[in-house]
Full PDB file with SEQRES, HELIX, SHEET, SSBOND, CRYST1, ORIGX, SCALE, CONECT and MASTER records, all heavy atoms in Angstrom:
SEQRES   1 A   46  ALA ASN ARG TRP LEU ILE TRP GLY ALA PRO LYS GLN GLU          
SEQRES   2 A   46  ILE THR GLN LEU ALA GLY GLN ILE ASN ALA ASP MET ILE          
SEQRES   3 A   46  VAL VAL GLY SER HIS GLY ARG HIS GLY LEU ALA LEU LEU          
SEQRES   4 A   46  LEU GLY SER THR ALA ASN ALA                                  
HELIX    1 AA1 PRO A   10  GLN A   20  1                                  11    
HELIX    2 AA2 LEU A   36  LEU A   40  1                                   5    
CRYST1    1.000    1.000    1.000  90.00  90.00  90.00 P 1           1          
ORIGX1      1.000000  0.000000  0.000000        0.00000                         
ORIGX2      0.000000  1.000000  0.000000        0.00000                         
ORIGX3      0.000000  0.000000  1.000000        0.00000                         
SCALE1      1.000000  0.000000  0.000000        0.00000                         
SCALE2      0.000000  1.000000  0.000000        0.00000                         
SCALE3      0.000000  0.000000  1.000000        0.00000                         
ATOM      1  N   ALA A   1      42.408  48.280   0.425  1.00  0.00           N  
ATOM      2  CA  ALA A   1      41.376  48.305   1.466  1.00  0.00           C  
ATOM      3  C   ALA A   1      40.173  49.153   1.066  1.00  0.00           C  
ATOM      4  O   ALA A   1      39.118  49.058   1.702  1.00  0.00           O  
ATOM      5  CB  ALA A   1      41.963  48.829   2.775  1.00  0.00           C  
ATOM      6  N   ASN A   2      40.310  49.963   0.011  1.00  0.00           N  
ATOM      7  CA  ASN A   2      39.230  50.850  -0.420  1.00  0.00           C  
ATOM      8  C   ASN A   2      38.592  50.399  -1.730  1.00  0.00           C  
ATOM      9  O   ASN A   2      37.988  51.202  -2.432  1.00  0.00           O  
ATOM     10  CB  ASN A   2      39.750  52.277  -0.583  1.00  0.00           C  
ATOM     11  CG  ASN A   2      40.119  52.907   0.737  1.00  0.00           C  
ATOM     12  OD1 ASN A   2      40.121  52.258   1.772  1.00  0.00           O  
ATOM     13  ND2 ASN A   2      40.437  54.173   0.708  1.00  0.00           N  
ATOM     14  N   ARG A   3      38.746  49.118  -2.039  1.00  0.00           N  
ATOM     15  CA  ARG A   3      38.171  48.550  -3.265  1.00  0.00           C  
ATOM     16  C   ARG A   3      37.054  47.593  -2.889  1.00  0.00           C  
ATOM     17  O   ARG A   3      37.250  46.692  -2.081  1.00  0.00           O  
ATOM     18  CB  ARG A   3      39.240  47.800  -4.059  1.00  0.00           C  
ATOM     19  CG  ARG A   3      40.381  48.670  -4.505  1.00  0.00           C  
ATOM     20  CD  ARG A   3      41.428  47.871  -5.240  1.00  0.00           C  
ATOM     21  NE  ARG A   3      42.578  48.713  -5.557  1.00  0.00           N  
ATOM     22  CZ  ARG A   3      43.531  48.363  -6.410  1.00  0.00           C  
ATOM     23  NH1 ARG A   3      43.483  47.201  -7.031  1.00  0.00           N  
ATOM     24  NH2 ARG A   3      44.539  49.194  -6.638  1.00  0.00           N  
ATOM     25  N   TRP A   4      35.895  47.801  -3.512  1.00  0.00           N  
ATOM     26  CA  TRP A   4      34.722  46.998  -3.179  1.00  0.00           C  
ATOM     27  C   TRP A   4      34.074  46.471  -4.444  1.00  0.00           C  
ATOM     28  O   TRP A   4      33.607  47.244  -5.281  1.00  0.00           O  
ATOM     29  CB  TRP A   4      33.708  47.842  -2.407  1.00  0.00           C  
ATOM     30  CG  TRP A   4      34.292  48.449  -1.183  1.00  0.00           C  
ATOM     31  CD1 TRP A   4      34.891  49.678  -1.076  1.00  0.00           C  
ATOM     32  CD2 TRP A   4      34.379  47.854   0.108  1.00  0.00           C  
ATOM     33  NE1 TRP A   4      35.332  49.870   0.208  1.00  0.00           N  
ATOM     34  CE2 TRP A   4      35.024  48.776   0.954  1.00  0.00           C  
ATOM     35  CE3 TRP A   4      33.953  46.631   0.637  1.00  0.00           C  
ATOM     36  CZ2 TRP A   4      35.268  48.513   2.295  1.00  0.00           C  
ATOM     37  CZ3 TRP A   4      34.182  46.378   1.961  1.00  0.00           C  
ATOM     38  CH2 TRP A   4      34.833  47.311   2.776  1.00  0.00           C  
ATOM     39  N   LEU A   5      34.027  45.167  -4.588  1.00  0.00           N  
ATOM     40  CA  LEU A   5      33.325  44.497  -5.670  1.00  0.00           C  
ATOM     41  C   LEU A   5      32.205  43.723  -4.994  1.00  0.00           C  
ATOM     42  O   LEU A   5      32.467  42.814  -4.193  1.00  0.00           O  
ATOM     43  CB  LEU A   5      34.283  43.566  -6.422  1.00  0.00           C  
ATOM     44  CG  LEU A   5      33.795  42.944  -7.717  1.00  0.00           C  
ATOM     45  CD1 LEU A   5      33.447  44.012  -8.739  1.00  0.00           C  
ATOM     46  CD2 LEU A   5      34.849  42.000  -8.284  1.00  0.00           C  
ATOM     47  N   ILE A   6      30.973  44.107  -5.280  1.00  0.00           N  
ATOM     48  CA  ILE A   6      29.824  43.584  -4.541  1.00  0.00           C  
ATOM     49  C   ILE A   6      28.784  43.078  -5.526  1.00  0.00           C  
ATOM     50  O   ILE A   6      28.522  43.707  -6.554  1.00  0.00           O  
ATOM     51  CB  ILE A   6      29.197  44.690  -3.649  1.00  0.00           C  
ATOM     52  CG1 ILE A   6      30.248  45.270  -2.703  1.00  0.00           C  
ATOM     53  CG2 ILE A   6      27.992  44.166  -2.886  1.00  0.00           C  
ATOM     54  CD1 ILE A   6      29.785  46.495  -1.932  1.00  0.00           C  
ATOM     55  N   TRP A   7      28.146  41.967  -5.197  1.00  0.00           N  
ATOM     56  CA  TRP A   7      27.052  41.463  -6.013  1.00  0.00           C  
ATOM     57  C   TRP A   7      25.745  41.984  -5.429  1.00  0.00           C  
ATOM     58  O   TRP A   7      25.550  41.952  -4.217  1.00  0.00           O  
ATOM     59  CB  TRP A   7      27.040  39.930  -6.031  1.00  0.00           C  
ATOM     60  CG  TRP A   7      26.061  39.423  -7.023  1.00  0.00           C  
ATOM     61  CD1 TRP A   7      26.295  39.141  -8.338  1.00  0.00           C  
ATOM     62  CD2 TRP A   7      24.678  39.174  -6.809  1.00  0.00           C  
ATOM     63  NE1 TRP A   7      25.143  38.744  -8.950  1.00  0.00           N  
ATOM     64  CE2 TRP A   7      24.134  38.749  -8.032  1.00  0.00           C  
ATOM     65  CE3 TRP A   7      23.834  39.280  -5.716  1.00  0.00           C  
ATOM     66  CZ2 TRP A   7      22.785  38.421  -8.196  1.00  0.00           C  
ATOM     67  CZ3 TRP A   7      22.499  38.950  -5.866  1.00  0.00           C  
ATOM     68  CH2 TRP A   7      21.988  38.524  -7.094  1.00  0.00           C  
ATOM     69  N   GLY A   8      24.841  42.466  -6.277  1.00  0.00           N  
ATOM     70  CA  GLY A   8      23.535  42.901  -5.789  1.00  0.00           C  
ATOM     71  C   GLY A   8      22.918  43.970  -6.657  1.00  0.00           C  
ATOM     72  O   GLY A   8      23.256  44.134  -7.826  1.00  0.00           O  
ATOM     73  N   ALA A   9      21.983  44.723  -6.060  1.00  0.00           N  
ATOM     74  CA  ALA A   9      21.298  45.827  -6.739  1.00  0.00           C  
ATOM     75  C   ALA A   9      22.123  47.097  -6.532  1.00  0.00           C  
ATOM     76  O   ALA A   9      22.381  47.476  -5.389  1.00  0.00           O  
ATOM     77  CB  ALA A   9      19.898  45.995  -6.174  1.00  0.00           C  
ATOM     78  N   PRO A  10      22.543  47.752  -7.608  1.00  0.00           N  
ATOM     79  CA  PRO A  10      23.433  48.910  -7.476  1.00  0.00           C  
ATOM     80  C   PRO A  10      22.947  49.974  -6.491  1.00  0.00           C  
ATOM     81  O   PRO A  10      23.713  50.412  -5.636  1.00  0.00           O  
ATOM     82  CB  PRO A  10      23.516  49.454  -8.901  1.00  0.00           C  
ATOM     83  CG  PRO A  10      23.329  48.240  -9.757  1.00  0.00           C  
ATOM     84  CD  PRO A  10      22.314  47.412  -9.016  1.00  0.00           C  
ATOM     85  N   LYS A  11      21.709  50.408  -6.610  1.00  0.00           N  
ATOM     86  CA  LYS A  11      21.198  51.465  -5.716  1.00  0.00           C  
ATOM     87  C   LYS A  11      21.405  51.088  -4.260  1.00  0.00           C  
ATOM     88  O   LYS A  11      21.941  51.854  -3.471  1.00  0.00           O  
ATOM     89  CB  LYS A  11      19.710  51.694  -5.982  1.00  0.00           C  
ATOM     90  CG  LYS A  11      19.022  52.528  -4.912  1.00  0.00           C  
ATOM     91  CD  LYS A  11      17.515  52.525  -5.071  1.00  0.00           C  
ATOM     92  CE  LYS A  11      16.929  51.249  -4.532  1.00  0.00           C  
ATOM     93  NZ  LYS A  11      15.476  51.212  -4.529  1.00  0.00           N  
ATOM     94  N   GLN A  12      21.000  49.900  -3.922  1.00  0.00           N  
ATOM     95  CA  GLN A  12      21.074  49.441  -2.534  1.00  0.00           C  
ATOM     96  C   GLN A  12      22.513  49.275  -2.079  1.00  0.00           C  
ATOM     97  O   GLN A  12      22.900  49.747  -1.007  1.00  0.00           O  
ATOM     98  CB  GLN A  12      20.323  48.122  -2.382  1.00  0.00           C  
ATOM     99  CG  GLN A  12      20.378  47.535  -0.998  1.00  0.00           C  
ATOM    100  CD  GLN A  12      19.631  46.209  -0.923  1.00  0.00           C  
ATOM    101  OE1 GLN A  12      18.808  45.893  -1.771  1.00  0.00           O  
ATOM    102  NE2 GLN A  12      19.949  45.439   0.087  1.00  0.00           N  
ATOM    103  N   GLU A  13      23.324  48.621  -2.864  1.00  0.00           N  
ATOM    104  CA  GLU A  13      24.698  48.319  -2.460  1.00  0.00           C  
ATOM    105  C   GLU A  13      25.562  49.579  -2.375  1.00  0.00           C  
ATOM    106  O   GLU A  13      26.364  49.726  -1.454  1.00  0.00           O  
ATOM    107  CB  GLU A  13      25.328  47.290  -3.395  1.00  0.00           C  
ATOM    108  CG  GLU A  13      24.612  45.951  -3.435  1.00  0.00           C  
ATOM    109  CD  GLU A  13      24.541  45.237  -2.093  1.00  0.00           C  
ATOM    110  OE1 GLU A  13      25.389  45.498  -1.207  1.00  0.00           O  
ATOM    111  OE2 GLU A  13      23.638  44.408  -1.914  1.00  0.00           O  
ATOM    112  N   ILE A  14      25.410  50.497  -3.333  1.00  0.00           N  
ATOM    113  CA  ILE A  14      26.226  51.721  -3.328  1.00  0.00           C  
ATOM    114  C   ILE A  14      25.880  52.583  -2.121  1.00  0.00           C  
ATOM    115  O   ILE A  14      26.773  53.039  -1.398  1.00  0.00           O  
ATOM    116  CB  ILE A  14      26.041  52.506  -4.645  1.00  0.00           C  
ATOM    117  CG1 ILE A  14      26.640  51.710  -5.813  1.00  0.00           C  
ATOM    118  CG2 ILE A  14      26.689  53.889  -4.540  1.00  0.00           C  
ATOM    119  CD1 ILE A  14      26.238  52.232  -7.185  1.00  0.00           C  
ATOM    120  N   THR A  15      24.602  52.796  -1.890  1.00  0.00           N  
ATOM    121  CA  THR A  15      24.206  53.657  -0.769  1.00  0.00           C  
ATOM    122  C   THR A  15      24.523  53.010   0.578  1.00  0.00           C  
ATOM    123  O   THR A  15      24.935  53.689   1.518  1.00  0.00           O  
ATOM    124  CB  THR A  15      22.717  54.050  -0.847  1.00  0.00           C  
ATOM    125  OG1 THR A  15      21.909  52.869  -0.905  1.00  0.00           O  
ATOM    126  CG2 THR A  15      22.442  54.910  -2.074  1.00  0.00           C  
ATOM    127  N   GLN A  16      24.354  51.699   0.661  1.00  0.00           N  
ATOM    128  CA  GLN A  16      24.677  50.998   1.910  1.00  0.00           C  
ATOM    129  C   GLN A  16      26.178  51.052   2.191  1.00  0.00           C  
ATOM    130  O   GLN A  16      26.602  51.328   3.319  1.00  0.00           O  
ATOM    131  CB  GLN A  16      24.205  49.549   1.831  1.00  0.00           C  
ATOM    132  CG  GLN A  16      24.380  48.777   3.112  1.00  0.00           C  
ATOM    133  CD  GLN A  16      23.775  47.382   3.009  1.00  0.00           C  
ATOM    134  OE1 GLN A  16      23.549  46.841   1.933  1.00  0.00           O  
ATOM    135  NE2 GLN A  16      23.515  46.787   4.154  1.00  0.00           N  
ATOM    136  N   LEU A  17      26.999  50.820   1.172  1.00  0.00           N  
ATOM    137  CA  LEU A  17      28.446  50.877   1.349  1.00  0.00           C  
ATOM    138  C   LEU A  17      28.884  52.284   1.748  1.00  0.00           C  
ATOM    139  O   LEU A  17      29.735  52.441   2.635  1.00  0.00           O  
ATOM    140  CB  LEU A  17      29.171  50.438   0.079  1.00  0.00           C  
ATOM    141  CG  LEU A  17      30.696  50.533   0.119  1.00  0.00           C  
ATOM    142  CD1 LEU A  17      31.280  49.635   1.221  1.00  0.00           C  
ATOM    143  CD2 LEU A  17      31.295  50.196  -1.235  1.00  0.00           C  
ATOM    144  N   ALA A  18      28.317  53.295   1.125  1.00  0.00           N  
ATOM    145  CA  ALA A  18      28.671  54.682   1.471  1.00  0.00           C  
ATOM    146  C   ALA A  18      28.462  54.928   2.956  1.00  0.00           C  
ATOM    147  O   ALA A  18      29.301  55.547   3.612  1.00  0.00           O  
ATOM    148  CB  ALA A  18      27.854  55.666   0.636  1.00  0.00           C  
ATOM    149  N   GLY A  19      27.374  54.414   3.495  1.00  0.00           N  
ATOM    150  CA  GLY A  19      27.122  54.559   4.930  1.00  0.00           C  
ATOM    151  C   GLY A  19      28.117  53.780   5.772  1.00  0.00           C  
ATOM    152  O   GLY A  19      28.602  54.279   6.790  1.00  0.00           O  
ATOM    153  N   GLN A  20      28.445  52.566   5.355  1.00  0.00           N  
ATOM    154  CA  GLN A  20      29.365  51.716   6.112  1.00  0.00           C  
ATOM    155  C   GLN A  20      30.765  52.310   6.199  1.00  0.00           C  
ATOM    156  O   GLN A  20      31.431  52.189   7.217  1.00  0.00           O  
ATOM    157  CB  GLN A  20      29.450  50.325   5.482  1.00  0.00           C  
ATOM    158  CG  GLN A  20      28.229  49.480   5.690  1.00  0.00           C  
ATOM    159  CD  GLN A  20      28.320  48.171   4.892  1.00  0.00           C  
ATOM    160  OE1 GLN A  20      29.212  47.959   4.085  1.00  0.00           O  
ATOM    161  NE2 GLN A  20      27.347  47.295   5.111  1.00  0.00           N  
ATOM    162  N   ILE A  21      31.215  52.935   5.131  1.00  0.00           N  
ATOM    163  CA  ILE A  21      32.587  53.459   5.107  1.00  0.00           C  
ATOM    164  C   ILE A  21      32.632  54.958   5.432  1.00  0.00           C  
ATOM    165  O   ILE A  21      33.678  55.581   5.324  1.00  0.00           O  
ATOM    166  CB  ILE A  21      33.288  53.178   3.758  1.00  0.00           C  
ATOM    167  CG1 ILE A  21      32.610  53.927   2.613  1.00  0.00           C  
ATOM    168  CG2 ILE A  21      33.372  51.680   3.495  1.00  0.00           C  
ATOM    169  CD1 ILE A  21      33.347  53.833   1.286  1.00  0.00           C  
ATOM    170  N   ASN A  22      31.481  55.518   5.792  1.00  0.00           N  
ATOM    171  CA  ASN A  22      31.372  56.943   6.135  1.00  0.00           C  
ATOM    172  C   ASN A  22      31.802  57.863   4.997  1.00  0.00           C  
ATOM    173  O   ASN A  22      32.465  58.877   5.218  1.00  0.00           O  
ATOM    174  CB  ASN A  22      32.157  57.272   7.407  1.00  0.00           C  
ATOM    175  CG  ASN A  22      31.581  56.573   8.608  1.00  0.00           C  
ATOM    176  OD1 ASN A  22      30.366  56.556   8.801  1.00  0.00           O  
ATOM    177  ND2 ASN A  22      32.438  55.972   9.411  1.00  0.00           N  
ATOM    178  N   ALA A  23      31.421  57.503   3.776  1.00  0.00           N  
ATOM    179  CA  ALA A  23      31.684  58.381   2.635  1.00  0.00           C  
ATOM    180  C   ALA A  23      30.777  59.600   2.746  1.00  0.00           C  
ATOM    181  O   ALA A  23      29.610  59.479   3.113  1.00  0.00           O  
ATOM    182  CB  ALA A  23      31.426  57.644   1.326  1.00  0.00           C  
ATOM    183  N   ASP A  24      31.316  60.759   2.448  1.00  0.00           N  
ATOM    184  CA  ASP A  24      30.490  61.960   2.479  1.00  0.00           C  
ATOM    185  C   ASP A  24      30.206  62.483   1.069  1.00  0.00           C  
ATOM    186  O   ASP A  24      29.571  63.528   0.896  1.00  0.00           O  
ATOM    187  CB  ASP A  24      31.094  63.045   3.364  1.00  0.00           C  
ATOM    188  CG  ASP A  24      32.558  63.313   3.111  1.00  0.00           C  
ATOM    189  OD1 ASP A  24      33.122  62.767   2.138  1.00  0.00           O  
ATOM    190  OD2 ASP A  24      33.153  64.065   3.891  1.00  0.00           O  
ATOM    191  N   MET A  25      30.630  61.728   0.052  1.00  0.00           N  
ATOM    192  CA  MET A  25      30.326  62.049  -1.345  1.00  0.00           C  
ATOM    193  C   MET A  25      30.349  60.757  -2.146  1.00  0.00           C  
ATOM    194  O   MET A  25      31.261  59.934  -1.980  1.00  0.00           O  
ATOM    195  CB  MET A  25      31.366  63.023  -1.903  1.00  0.00           C  
ATOM    196  CG  MET A  25      31.414  63.150  -3.421  1.00  0.00           C  
ATOM    197  SD  MET A  25      30.024  63.957  -4.178  1.00  0.00           S  
ATOM    198  CE  MET A  25      30.414  65.661  -3.831  1.00  0.00           C  
ATOM    199  N   ILE A  26      29.347  60.585  -3.001  1.00  0.00           N  
ATOM    200  CA  ILE A  26      29.314  59.476  -3.957  1.00  0.00           C  
ATOM    201  C   ILE A  26      29.392  60.097  -5.340  1.00  0.00           C  
ATOM    202  O   ILE A  26      28.679  61.063  -5.632  1.00  0.00           O  
ATOM    203  CB  ILE A  26      28.010  58.644  -3.840  1.00  0.00           C  
ATOM    204  CG1 ILE A  26      27.863  58.046  -2.449  1.00  0.00           C  
ATOM    205  CG2 ILE A  26      27.980  57.555  -4.921  1.00  0.00           C  
ATOM    206  CD1 ILE A  26      26.503  57.395  -2.197  1.00  0.00           C  
ATOM    207  N   VAL A  27      30.251  59.562  -6.199  1.00  0.00           N  
ATOM    208  CA  VAL A  27      30.368  60.030  -7.579  1.00  0.00           C  
ATOM    209  C   VAL A  27      29.900  58.914  -8.499  1.00  0.00           C  
ATOM    210  O   VAL A  27      30.387  57.779  -8.413  1.00  0.00           O  
ATOM    211  CB  VAL A  27      31.828  60.428  -7.921  1.00  0.00           C  
ATOM    212  CG1 VAL A  27      31.931  60.864  -9.375  1.00  0.00           C  
ATOM    213  CG2 VAL A  27      32.318  61.531  -6.991  1.00  0.00           C  
ATOM    214  N   VAL A  28      28.918  59.242  -9.366  1.00  0.00           N  
ATOM    215  CA  VAL A  28      28.371  58.284 -10.329  1.00  0.00           C  
ATOM    216  C   VAL A  28      28.240  58.969 -11.683  1.00  0.00           C  
ATOM    217  O   VAL A  28      28.164  60.189 -11.766  1.00  0.00           O  
ATOM    218  CB  VAL A  28      26.976  57.750  -9.899  1.00  0.00           C  
ATOM    219  CG1 VAL A  28      27.058  56.920  -8.656  1.00  0.00           C  
ATOM    220  CG2 VAL A  28      25.972  58.873  -9.742  1.00  0.00           C  
ATOM    221  N   GLY A  29      28.171  58.181 -12.729  1.00  0.00           N  
ATOM    222  CA  GLY A  29      27.907  58.709 -14.065  1.00  0.00           C  
ATOM    223  C   GLY A  29      26.413  58.703 -14.325  1.00  0.00           C  
ATOM    224  O   GLY A  29      25.691  57.852 -13.827  1.00  0.00           O  
ATOM    225  N   SER A  30      25.956  59.670 -15.135  1.00  0.00           N  
ATOM    226  CA  SER A  30      24.533  59.755 -15.461  1.00  0.00           C  
ATOM    227  C   SER A  30      24.369  60.121 -16.931  1.00  0.00           C  
ATOM    228  O   SER A  30      25.005  61.040 -17.427  1.00  0.00           O  
ATOM    229  CB  SER A  30      23.852  60.818 -14.596  1.00  0.00           C  
ATOM    230  OG  SER A  30      22.515  60.993 -15.012  1.00  0.00           O  
ATOM    231  N   HIS A  31      23.489  59.402 -17.593  1.00  0.00           N  
ATOM    232  CA  HIS A  31      23.193  59.695 -18.994  1.00  0.00           C  
ATOM    233  C   HIS A  31      22.060  60.700 -19.135  1.00  0.00           C  
ATOM    234  O   HIS A  31      21.748  61.127 -20.232  1.00  0.00           O  
ATOM    235  CB  HIS A  31      22.837  58.418 -19.755  1.00  0.00           C  
ATOM    236  CG  HIS A  31      24.018  57.546 -19.993  1.00  0.00           C  
ATOM    237  ND1 HIS A  31      24.909  57.756 -21.011  1.00  0.00           N  
ATOM    238  CD2 HIS A  31      24.477  56.465 -19.324  1.00  0.00           C  
ATOM    239  CE1 HIS A  31      25.856  56.843 -20.970  1.00  0.00           C  
ATOM    240  NE2 HIS A  31      25.631  56.051 -19.950  1.00  0.00           N  
ATOM    241  N   GLY A  32      21.394  61.068 -18.025  1.00  0.00           N  
ATOM    242  CA  GLY A  32      20.313  62.044 -18.088  1.00  0.00           C  
ATOM    243  C   GLY A  32      19.176  61.588 -18.970  1.00  0.00           C  
ATOM    244  O   GLY A  32      18.683  62.316 -19.816  1.00  0.00           O  
ATOM    245  N   ARG A  33      18.764  60.365 -18.821  1.00  0.00           N  
ATOM    246  CA  ARG A  33      17.722  59.787 -19.655  1.00  0.00           C  
ATOM    247  C   ARG A  33      16.399  60.542 -19.525  1.00  0.00           C  
ATOM    248  O   ARG A  33      16.120  61.168 -18.522  1.00  0.00           O  
ATOM    249  CB  ARG A  33      17.501  58.328 -19.266  1.00  0.00           C  
ATOM    250  CG  ARG A  33      18.764  57.498 -19.313  1.00  0.00           C  
ATOM    251  CD  ARG A  33      18.746  56.557 -20.480  1.00  0.00           C  
ATOM    252  NE  ARG A  33      19.860  55.633 -20.395  1.00  0.00           N  
ATOM    253  CZ  ARG A  33      20.883  55.657 -21.222  1.00  0.00           C  
ATOM    254  NH1 ARG A  33      20.954  56.545 -22.147  1.00  0.00           N  
ATOM    255  NH2 ARG A  33      21.847  54.781 -21.121  1.00  0.00           N  
ATOM    256  N   HIS A  34      15.597  60.420 -20.546  1.00  0.00           N  
ATOM    257  CA  HIS A  34      14.283  61.063 -20.561  1.00  0.00           C  
ATOM    258  C   HIS A  34      13.234  60.015 -20.914  1.00  0.00           C  
ATOM    259  O   HIS A  34      13.556  58.915 -21.341  1.00  0.00           O  
ATOM    260  CB  HIS A  34      14.249  62.192 -21.600  1.00  0.00           C  
ATOM    261  CG  HIS A  34      15.282  63.239 -21.335  1.00  0.00           C  
ATOM    262  ND1 HIS A  34      15.158  64.169 -20.344  1.00  0.00           N  
ATOM    263  CD2 HIS A  34      16.472  63.491 -21.923  1.00  0.00           C  
ATOM    264  CE1 HIS A  34      16.200  64.958 -20.334  1.00  0.00           C  
ATOM    265  NE2 HIS A  34      17.030  64.568 -21.280  1.00  0.00           N  
ATOM    266  N   GLY A  35      11.992  60.349 -20.742  1.00  0.00           N  
ATOM    267  CA  GLY A  35      10.895  59.492 -21.160  1.00  0.00           C  
ATOM    268  C   GLY A  35      10.864  58.169 -20.425  1.00  0.00           C  
ATOM    269  O   GLY A  35      11.013  58.107 -19.206  1.00  0.00           O  
ATOM    270  N   LEU A  36      10.682  57.080 -21.189  1.00  0.00           N  
ATOM    271  CA  LEU A  36      10.520  55.753 -20.608  1.00  0.00           C  
ATOM    272  C   LEU A  36      11.746  55.341 -19.798  1.00  0.00           C  
ATOM    273  O   LEU A  36      11.623  54.772 -18.717  1.00  0.00           O  
ATOM    274  CB  LEU A  36      10.245  54.721 -21.707  1.00  0.00           C  
ATOM    275  CG  LEU A  36       9.956  53.296 -21.256  1.00  0.00           C  
ATOM    276  CD1 LEU A  36       8.741  53.271 -20.331  1.00  0.00           C  
ATOM    277  CD2 LEU A  36       9.729  52.396 -22.450  1.00  0.00           C  
ATOM    278  N   ALA A  37      12.942  55.663 -20.282  1.00  0.00           N  
ATOM    279  CA  ALA A  37      14.162  55.303 -19.550  1.00  0.00           C  
ATOM    280  C   ALA A  37      14.191  55.976 -18.190  1.00  0.00           C  
ATOM    281  O   ALA A  37      14.644  55.397 -17.208  1.00  0.00           O  
ATOM    282  CB  ALA A  37      15.400  55.679 -20.358  1.00  0.00           C  
ATOM    283  N   LEU A  38      13.699  57.218 -18.119  1.00  0.00           N  
ATOM    284  CA  LEU A  38      13.661  57.929 -16.839  1.00  0.00           C  
ATOM    285  C   LEU A  38      12.649  57.271 -15.900  1.00  0.00           C  
ATOM    286  O   LEU A  38      12.894  57.105 -14.717  1.00  0.00           O  
ATOM    287  CB  LEU A  38      13.313  59.400 -17.055  1.00  0.00           C  
ATOM    288  CG  LEU A  38      13.228  60.261 -15.798  1.00  0.00           C  
ATOM    289  CD1 LEU A  38      14.577  60.265 -15.077  1.00  0.00           C  
ATOM    290  CD2 LEU A  38      12.809  61.668 -16.137  1.00  0.00           C  
ATOM    291  N   LEU A  39      11.487  56.893 -16.439  1.00  0.00           N  
ATOM    292  CA  LEU A  39      10.461  56.248 -15.614  1.00  0.00           C  
ATOM    293  C   LEU A  39      10.949  54.918 -15.052  1.00  0.00           C  
ATOM    294  O   LEU A  39      10.623  54.553 -13.934  1.00  0.00           O  
ATOM    295  CB  LEU A  39       9.183  56.013 -16.435  1.00  0.00           C  
ATOM    296  CG  LEU A  39       8.405  57.272 -16.802  1.00  0.00           C  
ATOM    297  CD1 LEU A  39       7.248  56.906 -17.721  1.00  0.00           C  
ATOM    298  CD2 LEU A  39       7.899  57.977 -15.558  1.00  0.00           C  
ATOM    299  N   LEU A  40      11.722  54.198 -15.846  1.00  0.00           N  
ATOM    300  CA  LEU A  40      12.248  52.912 -15.393  1.00  0.00           C  
ATOM    301  C   LEU A  40      13.366  53.100 -14.377  1.00  0.00           C  
ATOM    302  O   LEU A  40      13.700  52.182 -13.656  1.00  0.00           O  
ATOM    303  CB  LEU A  40      12.749  52.092 -16.585  1.00  0.00           C  
ATOM    304  CG  LEU A  40      11.676  51.657 -17.568  1.00  0.00           C  
ATOM    305  CD1 LEU A  40      12.312  50.970 -18.763  1.00  0.00           C  
ATOM    306  CD2 LEU A  40      10.646  50.761 -16.907  1.00  0.00           C  
ATOM    307  N   GLY A  41      13.946  54.288 -14.365  1.00  0.00           N  
ATOM    308  CA  GLY A  41      14.976  54.590 -13.379  1.00  0.00           C  
ATOM    309  C   GLY A  41      16.375  54.312 -13.873  1.00  0.00           C  
ATOM    310  O   GLY A  41      16.579  53.638 -14.856  1.00  0.00           O  
ATOM    311  N   SER A  42      17.314  54.889 -13.175  1.00  0.00           N  
ATOM    312  CA  SER A  42      18.719  54.662 -13.473  1.00  0.00           C  
ATOM    313  C   SER A  42      19.449  54.555 -12.147  1.00  0.00           C  
ATOM    314  O   SER A  42      18.935  54.981 -11.109  1.00  0.00           O  
ATOM    315  CB  SER A  42      19.290  55.822 -14.287  1.00  0.00           C  
ATOM    316  OG  SER A  42      19.381  56.977 -13.482  1.00  0.00           O  
ATOM    317  N   THR A  43      20.646  54.010 -12.191  1.00  0.00           N  
ATOM    318  CA  THR A  43      21.435  53.887 -10.974  1.00  0.00           C  
ATOM    319  C   THR A  43      21.725  55.258 -10.379  1.00  0.00           C  
ATOM    320  O   THR A  43      21.563  55.467  -9.183  1.00  0.00           O  
ATOM    321  CB  THR A  43      22.746  53.132 -11.269  1.00  0.00           C  
ATOM    322  OG1 THR A  43      22.419  51.821 -11.725  1.00  0.00           O  
ATOM    323  CG2 THR A  43      23.610  53.039 -10.035  1.00  0.00           C  
ATOM    324  N   ALA A  44      22.127  56.213 -11.210  1.00  0.00           N  
ATOM    325  CA  ALA A  44      22.452  57.549 -10.694  1.00  0.00           C  
ATOM    326  C   ALA A  44      21.238  58.180 -10.017  1.00  0.00           C  
ATOM    327  O   ALA A  44      21.357  58.754  -8.931  1.00  0.00           O  
ATOM    328  CB  ALA A  44      22.953  58.439 -11.828  1.00  0.00           C  
ATOM    329  N   ASN A  45      20.082  58.082 -10.640  1.00  0.00           N  
ATOM    330  CA  ASN A  45      18.864  58.657 -10.070  1.00  0.00           C  
ATOM    331  C   ASN A  45      18.519  57.987  -8.744  1.00  0.00           C  
ATOM    332  O   ASN A  45      18.171  58.651  -7.761  1.00  0.00           O  
ATOM    333  CB  ASN A  45      17.710  58.518 -11.066  1.00  0.00           C  
ATOM    334  CG  ASN A  45      16.477  59.242 -10.610  1.00  0.00           C  
ATOM    335  OD1 ASN A  45      16.541  60.375 -10.159  1.00  0.00           O  
ATOM    336  ND2 ASN A  45      15.337  58.579 -10.720  1.00  0.00           N  
ATOM    337  N   ALA A  46      18.626  56.679  -8.699  1.00  0.00           N  
ATOM    338  CA  ALA A  46      18.302  55.949  -7.474  1.00  0.00           C  
ATOM    339  C   ALA A  46      19.277  56.299  -6.352  1.00  0.00           C  
ATOM    340  O   ALA A  46      18.860  56.520  -5.210  1.00  0.00           O  
ATOM    341  CB  ALA A  46      18.319  54.440  -7.745  1.00  0.00           C  
TER     342      ALA A  46                                                      
MASTER        0    0    0    2    0    0    0    6  341    1    0    4          
END                                                                             
């Protein structure tokens, strides 16, 4: 019941699901990108 496989944009789907299930913490991995990669954004940053 706590497994979610969703199609869509990660930023939107992860944050929306967190609200729906009343999560009070989201855990994501981050590569800590710099320069152009940072400007383009990452899922963790979003």
